[in-house]
Amino acid sequence: MEGFLKNYKLRIKVLSPIHVGNGEKIGKKEYINLYREHKVIIPDPVKVYMALCDKGLEEDYTRYMLHSNLEFGAWLKEKMIGKSEFQKWKRYEMDSGDAFFGGLSAKGVKPPKEIMSFIKDAYGMPYIPGSSLKGMIRTALLAYETTHNIKKYGYISEKIKNNARMKARREFCLSRETTELETAVFHTLNREEKKKSNAVNCCLSGLLVRDSIPISVENLTLCQKIDYTIERKERPMPILREALKPGTEIDFDISIDQTQCPYTIDDIMAALEEFQQYMYKYFYSRFGRGTDEKGTVWLGGGCGFLSKTVLYPVFGEEAVRITDAVFRNTLGKNYDVHKHNKDVSLKIAPHVCKCTRYDGRLYDMGLGKIEVL
């Protein structure tokens, strides 16, 4: 076993807020915003309901949930229910910090209403799934292989470039071409000869990336989405996310089965590094954002479309027109609404960088530093 299975411990230090969602949203009637304390309390809904029933407020609470537009904290204040009482209902709380950046005074921006929840285990502890970590590695390896073997995979790159102009739903855009590229690069095991795209042929089945060690809820903060423009302007958006605070450490294990996976830990780290350098050169540096510091990785949701694709590493400056074509043919009327029609003339696509504010400072979303322990 020890002869072919290599085990490694890795750590990602959070450099900017990182969000990995579970698909759930916490509505404005499901959290209590303590504006003056810059904190948000997430109560247990069962404890809330039982406590309000004990106070004879069952019908009032039902009417509130069905008809009122008040935030939950404001409704509790109307009912003369103070912090000493609703603290007993708490599942967890977190800093809201700069989450309501822009607030009521920002032109055209309404206060955020829902919170996109961070994924948590059965004990309510945040963690990073192995699938998210492996997805980050997979994208980097795909870009690395494609850019280092242009003759071998160039014909598929041409298909991606040409077919980016074809009309498609967003979730299916270039899916066939991407699958073909991934199949050519990774499906090398020949376990199922009739259908090479079958997952059993993927050499990355020998790359085992485990879920991270659970992280304390004290490391969660609330972040508001901010679009940062090429003109260096901030546009706060009505979207809130639970995110890991800068300074948090994400520890996880990787095992490499050398009989299946041709990549070493050094190959993986080199691919991640090269991917980051491409992203910095062709995208983030244009905004005066990002960093070219070694070991940088982009992880989780909200850090932008390009961190999940190989377009900039594979196509370089030409990726602007290809990315624009993808947006033009998948966004419909939102292509003009979101002003993507300016991308080509600005020579950057997309024309906004995904940011947030924490502790009074503007951060890129999803930035970390990875190391092998």
Protein backbone atom coordinates (compact mmCIF):
# COMPACT_ATOMS: atom_id res chain seq x y z
CA MET A 1 0.00 0.00 0.00
CA GLU A 2 2.71 2.50 1.00
CA GLY A 3 4.55 1.80 -2.25
CA PHE A 4 1.99 3.42 -4.52
CA LEU A 5 -0.21 5.58 -2.24
CA LYS A 6 1.23 8.96 -1.29
CA ASN A 7 -0.46 10.98 1.45
CA TYR A 8 -0.10 14.74 2.02
CA LYS A 9 -1.45 17.33 4.42
CA LEU A 10 -2.21 20.72 2.91
CA ARG A 11 -3.32 24.04 4.28
CA ILE A 12 -5.00 27.02 2.67
CA LYS A 13 -4.69 30.24 4.65
CA VAL A 14 -7.64 32.50 3.88
CA LEU A 15 -6.37 35.81 2.50
CA SER A 16 -9.79 37.24 1.67
CA PRO A 17 -13.34 36.10 2.49
CA ILE A 18 -14.09 32.65 1.03
CA HIS A 19 -17.65 31.41 0.49
CA VAL A 20 -18.64 27.82 -0.28
CA GLY A 21 -22.41 27.60 -0.34
CA ASN A 22 -24.78 24.74 0.40
CA GLY A 23 -27.55 26.07 -1.86
CA GLU A 24 -29.61 27.35 1.08
CA LYS A 25 -30.62 30.93 1.79
CA ILE A 26 -31.46 32.54 5.10
CA GLY A 27 -34.36 34.95 4.58
CA LYS A 28 -34.62 38.38 6.17
CA LYS A 29 -37.26 36.94 8.53
CA GLU A 30 -34.88 34.21 9.64
CA TYR A 31 -32.02 36.25 11.11
CA ILE A 32 -31.71 39.09 13.59
CA ASN A 33 -29.55 42.01 12.55
CA LEU A 34 -27.90 43.81 15.46
CA TYR A 35 -26.90 46.91 13.51
CA ARG A 36 -25.22 48.77 16.36
CA GLU A 37 -23.13 45.79 17.37
CA HIS A 38 -22.32 44.83 13.76
CA LYS A 39 -23.50 41.29 14.41
CA VAL A 40 -26.10 38.92 12.98
CA ILE A 41 -27.80 36.19 15.00
CA ILE A 42 -29.04 33.06 13.23
CA PRO A 43 -31.72 31.60 15.51
CA ASP A 44 -32.98 28.04 15.70
CA PRO A 45 -36.45 28.14 14.03
CA VAL A 46 -37.88 25.51 16.38
CA LYS A 47 -36.78 27.49 19.46
CA VAL A 48 -38.20 30.67 17.89
CA TYR A 49 -41.58 29.11 17.28
CA MET A 50 -41.84 27.45 20.69
CA ALA A 51 -40.84 30.64 22.53
CA LEU A 52 -43.35 32.77 20.61
CA CYS A 53 -46.10 30.21 21.23
CA ASP A 54 -45.31 30.36 24.96
CA LYS A 55 -45.85 34.13 24.77
CA GLY A 56 -49.18 33.73 22.98
CA LEU A 57 -47.78 35.23 19.78
CA GLU A 58 -48.40 32.26 17.51
CA GLU A 59 -51.03 34.01 15.35
CA ASP A 60 -49.06 37.28 15.27
CA TYR A 61 -45.97 35.39 14.15
CA THR A 62 -47.95 33.60 11.42
CA ARG A 63 -49.32 36.90 10.12
CA TYR A 64 -45.83 38.40 10.21
CA MET A 65 -44.36 35.53 8.19
CA LEU A 66 -47.14 35.69 5.61
CA HIS A 67 -47.72 39.42 5.17
CA SER A 68 -45.11 41.70 6.77
CA ASN A 69 -42.06 43.24 5.08
CA LEU A 70 -40.31 44.00 8.35
CA GLU A 71 -36.94 42.51 9.20
CA PHE A 72 -37.21 39.99 12.02
CA GLY A 73 -35.34 42.18 14.50
CA ALA A 74 -37.73 45.08 13.88
CA TRP A 75 -40.74 42.82 14.42
CA LEU A 76 -39.30 41.48 17.67
CA LYS A 77 -38.79 45.06 18.85
CA GLU A 78 -42.46 45.83 18.12
CA LYS A 79 -43.40 42.87 20.30
CA MET A 80 -41.13 44.10 23.11
CA ILE A 81 -38.85 41.06 22.86
CA GLY A 82 -35.31 42.02 23.77
CA LYS A 83 -31.85 40.61 23.24
CA SER A 84 -31.79 38.79 26.58
CA GLU A 85 -34.67 36.65 25.30
CA PHE A 86 -33.79 36.04 21.66
CA GLN A 87 -30.17 35.21 22.58
CA LYS A 88 -31.60 31.97 23.98
CA TRP A 89 -32.80 31.00 20.50
CA LYS A 90 -29.35 31.37 18.92
CA ARG A 91 -27.85 28.66 16.74
CA TYR A 92 -24.82 30.84 16.02
CA GLU A 93 -23.87 34.45 15.42
CA MET A 94 -21.28 36.21 13.28
CA ASP A 95 -19.85 39.61 12.61
CA SER A 96 -21.74 41.56 9.97
CA GLY A 97 -18.81 43.96 9.62
CA ASP A 98 -19.11 45.83 6.33
CA ALA A 99 -21.81 43.53 4.98
CA PHE A 100 -24.29 46.34 4.59
CA PHE A 101 -21.80 48.53 2.75
CA GLY A 102 -23.74 51.10 0.74
CA GLY A 103 -26.94 50.47 2.69
CA LEU A 104 -29.88 52.76 2.09
CA SER A 105 -27.77 55.65 0.85
CA ALA A 106 -26.23 53.88 -2.14
CA LYS A 107 -28.06 54.94 -5.26
CA GLY A 108 -30.25 52.19 -6.63
CA VAL A 109 -29.15 49.61 -4.07
CA LYS A 110 -31.64 48.10 -1.64
CA PRO A 111 -30.57 46.60 1.69
CA PRO A 112 -29.66 42.91 1.25
CA LYS A 113 -32.51 40.60 2.14
CA GLU A 114 -31.15 37.07 2.05
CA ILE A 115 -27.97 35.43 3.26
CA MET A 116 -26.37 32.70 1.17
CA SER A 117 -25.47 30.06 3.72
CA PHE A 118 -22.01 28.45 4.07
CA ILE A 119 -21.93 24.67 3.86
CA LYS A 120 -21.85 23.00 7.30
CA ASP A 121 -21.55 19.46 8.61
CA ALA A 122 -24.08 17.57 10.72
CA TYR A 123 -22.81 19.41 13.82
CA GLY A 124 -23.26 22.87 12.30
CA MET A 125 -19.53 23.37 11.67
CA PRO A 126 -18.39 25.03 8.42
CA TYR A 127 -16.04 23.03 6.20
CA ILE A 128 -14.74 22.94 2.63
CA PRO A 129 -15.92 19.84 0.72
CA GLY A 130 -13.28 17.73 -0.96
CA SER A 131 -15.23 18.15 -4.21
CA SER A 132 -14.66 21.93 -4.12
CA LEU A 133 -10.95 21.50 -3.41
CA LYS A 134 -10.57 18.86 -6.11
CA GLY A 135 -12.50 21.05 -8.58
CA MET A 136 -9.98 23.84 -8.00
CA ILE A 137 -7.10 21.40 -8.66
CA ARG A 138 -8.82 19.83 -11.67
CA THR A 139 -9.30 23.20 -13.40
CA ALA A 140 -5.65 24.10 -12.83
CA LEU A 141 -4.41 20.73 -14.15
CA LEU A 142 -6.65 21.02 -17.22
CA ALA A 143 -5.23 24.46 -18.02
CA TYR A 144 -1.69 23.23 -17.37
CA GLU A 145 -2.00 20.24 -19.70
CA THR A 146 -3.70 22.24 -22.46
CA THR A 147 -1.15 25.06 -22.47
CA HIS A 148 1.83 22.70 -22.31
CA ASN A 149 0.55 20.37 -25.04
CA ILE A 150 -0.77 22.74 -27.69
CA LYS A 151 -0.18 20.34 -30.57
CA LYS A 152 -1.97 17.53 -28.79
CA TYR A 153 -5.05 19.44 -27.64
CA GLY A 154 -5.04 22.44 -29.98
CA TYR A 155 -7.84 21.06 -32.16
CA ILE A 156 -10.22 21.06 -29.18
CA SER A 157 -9.17 24.59 -28.26
CA GLU A 158 -10.15 25.65 -31.78
CA LYS A 159 -13.56 24.05 -31.30
CA ILE A 160 -14.05 26.01 -28.08
CA LYS A 161 -13.07 29.25 -29.81
CA ASN A 162 -15.38 28.66 -32.78
CA ASN A 163 -18.36 27.28 -30.88
CA ALA A 164 -18.38 30.02 -28.22
CA ARG A 165 -20.52 31.99 -30.70
CA MET A 166 -23.26 29.37 -30.77
CA LYS A 167 -26.52 30.05 -28.94
CA ALA A 168 -26.91 27.94 -25.81
CA ARG A 169 -28.37 27.94 -22.34
CA ARG A 170 -25.78 29.05 -19.82
CA GLU A 171 -25.43 25.67 -18.13
CA PHE A 172 -24.85 23.92 -21.46
CA CYS A 173 -22.60 26.48 -23.14
CA LEU A 174 -19.42 24.75 -24.41
CA SER A 175 -20.27 21.72 -22.26
CA ARG A 176 -19.64 19.31 -25.14
CA GLU A 177 -16.30 20.93 -26.00
CA THR A 178 -15.23 21.07 -22.34
CA THR A 179 -16.16 17.41 -21.86
CA GLU A 180 -14.16 16.52 -24.96
CA LEU A 181 -11.13 18.39 -23.63
CA GLU A 182 -11.39 16.81 -20.18
CA THR A 183 -11.83 13.37 -21.74
CA ALA A 184 -8.75 13.82 -23.94
CA VAL A 185 -6.62 15.07 -21.03
CA PHE A 186 -7.76 12.95 -18.10
CA HIS A 187 -9.49 9.82 -19.42
CA THR A 188 -6.38 7.73 -19.97
CA LEU A 189 -7.00 4.55 -17.96
CA ASN A 190 -8.76 2.57 -20.75
CA ARG A 191 -10.96 0.64 -18.35
CA GLU A 192 -13.96 1.11 -20.62
CA GLU A 193 -12.77 1.14 -24.22
CA LYS A 194 -16.16 1.58 -25.89
CA LYS A 195 -16.89 4.87 -24.15
CA LYS A 196 -13.77 6.83 -23.32
CA SER A 197 -15.78 9.59 -21.57
CA ASN A 198 -16.93 7.09 -18.92
CA ALA A 199 -15.78 8.28 -15.47
CA VAL A 200 -14.03 4.96 -14.78
CA ASN A 201 -11.40 5.99 -17.33
CA CYS A 202 -10.48 9.21 -15.51
CA CYS A 203 -6.97 9.20 -14.09
CA LEU A 204 -8.06 11.71 -11.43
CA SER A 205 -9.99 8.89 -9.76
CA GLY A 206 -6.57 8.22 -8.25
CA LEU A 207 -6.49 11.72 -6.74
CA LEU A 208 -8.37 11.57 -3.44
CA VAL A 209 -9.11 14.95 -1.88
CA ARG A 210 -10.83 14.77 1.48
CA ASP A 211 -13.15 17.28 3.11
CA SER A 212 -11.37 19.86 5.21
CA ILE A 213 -11.21 19.61 8.97
CA PRO A 214 -14.30 21.31 10.46
CA ILE A 215 -13.88 25.04 11.08
CA SER A 216 -15.26 26.97 14.05
CA VAL A 217 -18.35 29.11 13.36
CA GLU A 218 -16.38 31.93 15.02
CA ASN A 219 -14.44 32.12 11.76
CA LEU A 220 -17.57 33.07 9.81
CA THR A 221 -18.34 36.63 8.82
CA LEU A 222 -21.00 38.23 6.66
CA CYS A 223 -19.93 39.71 3.32
CA GLN A 224 -21.76 41.77 0.76
CA LYS A 225 -21.13 41.25 -2.94
CA ILE A 226 -19.39 44.22 -4.56
CA ASP A 227 -18.73 44.59 -8.27
CA TYR A 228 -15.48 46.49 -8.77
CA THR A 229 -15.25 48.13 -12.17
CA ILE A 230 -12.33 48.74 -14.49
CA GLU A 231 -12.78 52.44 -13.61
CA ARG A 232 -11.98 51.53 -9.97
CA LYS A 233 -15.55 52.12 -8.73
CA GLU A 234 -17.42 49.97 -6.24
CA ARG A 235 -20.99 48.83 -6.89
CA PRO A 236 -22.50 47.15 -3.80
CA MET A 237 -25.07 44.50 -4.70
CA PRO A 238 -28.02 43.21 -2.62
CA ILE A 239 -26.42 39.82 -2.01
CA LEU A 240 -25.03 38.61 1.31
CA ARG A 241 -22.81 35.58 1.84
CA GLU A 242 -21.53 33.76 4.89
CA ALA A 243 -17.77 33.58 4.39
CA LEU A 244 -14.59 32.55 6.18
CA LYS A 245 -12.64 35.44 7.68
CA PRO A 246 -9.13 36.32 6.48
CA GLY A 247 -6.61 34.48 8.64
CA THR A 248 -8.70 31.29 8.89
CA GLU A 249 -6.78 28.09 8.18
CA ILE A 250 -8.30 25.34 6.01
CA ASP A 251 -6.57 21.99 6.61
CA PHE A 252 -7.22 18.98 4.37
CA ASP A 253 -5.59 15.75 3.16
CA ILE A 254 -4.74 14.51 -0.32
CA SER A 255 -3.88 10.95 -1.32
CA ILE A 256 -2.39 10.13 -4.72
CA ASP A 257 -2.67 6.60 -6.07
CA GLN A 258 0.36 6.44 -8.36
CA THR A 259 -1.03 3.42 -10.23
CA GLN A 260 -3.87 5.61 -11.57
CA CYS A 261 -2.94 9.27 -11.22
CA PRO A 262 0.10 10.47 -13.20
CA TYR A 263 0.43 13.70 -11.23
CA THR A 264 2.70 14.25 -8.24
CA ILE A 265 2.07 16.79 -5.49
CA ASP A 266 4.72 18.97 -7.17
CA ASP A 267 2.78 18.80 -10.45
CA ILE A 268 -0.38 19.88 -8.67
CA MET A 269 1.30 22.81 -6.94
CA ALA A 270 2.96 23.87 -10.22
CA ALA A 271 -0.39 23.77 -12.05
CA LEU A 272 -2.11 25.84 -9.34
CA GLU A 273 0.72 28.37 -9.46
CA GLU A 274 0.67 28.70 -13.23
CA PHE A 275 -3.14 29.04 -13.30
CA GLN A 276 -2.96 31.87 -10.78
CA GLN A 277 -0.25 33.67 -12.75
CA TYR A 278 -2.36 33.56 -15.91
CA MET A 279 -5.36 34.91 -14.01
CA TYR A 280 -3.32 37.72 -12.53
CA LYS A 281 -1.63 38.67 -15.81
CA TYR A 282 -4.70 38.72 -18.04
CA PHE A 283 -7.46 39.69 -15.62
CA TYR A 284 -6.90 40.81 -12.03
CA SER A 285 -3.94 43.09 -12.72
CA ARG A 286 -6.13 45.10 -15.10
CA PHE A 287 -8.22 46.15 -12.08
CA GLY A 288 -5.24 46.72 -9.82
CA ARG A 289 -6.52 43.68 -7.89
CA GLY A 290 -5.30 40.18 -7.14
CA THR A 291 -1.69 39.31 -6.39
CA ASP A 292 1.22 37.59 -8.11
CA GLU A 293 2.43 36.16 -4.80
CA LYS A 294 3.41 32.50 -5.00
CA GLY A 295 0.98 29.93 -3.65
CA THR A 296 -2.13 31.96 -4.40
CA VAL A 297 -5.34 30.07 -5.19
CA TRP A 298 -8.95 31.08 -5.89
CA LEU A 299 -11.58 29.04 -4.09
CA GLY A 300 -15.34 28.96 -3.63
CA GLY A 301 -18.30 30.90 -4.94
CA GLY A 302 -18.45 34.57 -5.74
CA CYS A 303 -14.88 34.88 -7.02
CA GLY A 304 -15.93 35.05 -10.63
CA PHE A 305 -16.64 33.05 -13.78
CA LEU A 306 -13.02 32.94 -14.92
CA SER A 307 -11.65 31.22 -11.83
CA LYS A 308 -13.70 28.15 -12.84
CA THR A 309 -12.67 28.04 -16.52
CA VAL A 310 -9.50 27.61 -18.59
CA LEU A 311 -10.29 30.41 -21.08
CA TYR A 312 -7.62 32.91 -20.02
CA PRO A 313 -4.81 30.37 -19.50
CA VAL A 314 -5.53 28.73 -22.87
CA PHE A 315 -6.34 31.78 -25.01
CA GLY A 316 -4.53 34.66 -23.27
CA GLU A 317 -5.57 38.07 -24.63
CA GLU A 318 -7.81 36.37 -27.19
CA ALA A 319 -9.94 35.14 -24.29
CA VAL A 320 -11.64 38.55 -24.12
CA ARG A 321 -13.52 37.99 -27.38
CA ILE A 322 -14.25 34.35 -26.56
CA THR A 323 -15.60 35.22 -23.10
CA ASP A 324 -17.65 38.02 -24.63
CA ALA A 325 -19.12 35.55 -27.13
CA VAL A 326 -20.05 33.20 -24.28
CA PHE A 327 -21.85 36.01 -22.44
CA ARG A 328 -23.54 37.27 -25.62
CA ASN A 329 -24.97 33.87 -26.44
CA THR A 330 -26.01 32.76 -22.95
CA LEU A 331 -27.23 35.87 -21.11
CA GLY A 332 -29.95 36.98 -23.51
CA LYS A 333 -31.25 40.47 -22.69
CA ASN A 334 -29.05 40.54 -19.57
CA TYR A 335 -26.04 40.86 -21.87
CA ASP A 336 -26.97 44.51 -22.46
CA VAL A 337 -28.47 45.06 -19.00
CA HIS A 338 -25.16 44.08 -17.39
CA LYS A 339 -23.27 46.15 -19.98
CA HIS A 340 -21.23 43.28 -21.38
CA ASN A 341 -21.45 45.07 -24.72
CA LYS A 342 -18.57 47.21 -23.41
CA ASP A 343 -16.25 44.28 -22.72
CA VAL A 344 -14.49 44.11 -26.09
CA SER A 345 -13.88 47.86 -26.29
CA LEU A 346 -12.52 47.80 -22.73
CA LYS A 347 -10.37 44.78 -23.67
CA ILE A 348 -11.46 42.93 -20.55
CA ALA A 349 -14.23 40.36 -20.03
CA PRO A 350 -16.03 40.38 -17.73
CA HIS A 351 -15.57 44.08 -17.02
CA VAL A 352 -16.05 43.78 -13.25
CA CYS A 353 -14.00 42.10 -10.56
CA LYS A 354 -15.81 40.30 -7.72
CA CYS A 355 -15.00 41.89 -4.37
CA THR A 356 -16.31 42.44 -0.87
CA ARG A 357 -15.52 44.56 2.18
CA TYR A 358 -14.19 43.28 5.49
CA ASP A 359 -12.89 45.26 8.45
CA GLY A 360 -12.97 48.51 6.47
CA ARG A 361 -10.92 47.16 3.56
CA LEU A 362 -11.83 46.13 0.02
CA TYR A 363 -10.93 42.48 -0.69
CA ASP A 364 -11.06 40.23 -3.71
CA MET A 365 -13.46 37.37 -3.09
CA GLY A 366 -12.10 33.84 -2.62
CA LEU A 367 -8.36 34.37 -2.24
CA GLY A 368 -6.14 31.95 -0.32
CA LYS A 369 -2.54 30.79 -0.01
CA ILE A 370 -1.86 27.06 -0.28
CA GLU A 371 1.05 25.09 1.13
CA VAL A 372 2.05 21.49 1.71
CA LEU A 373 2.68 20.87 5.42
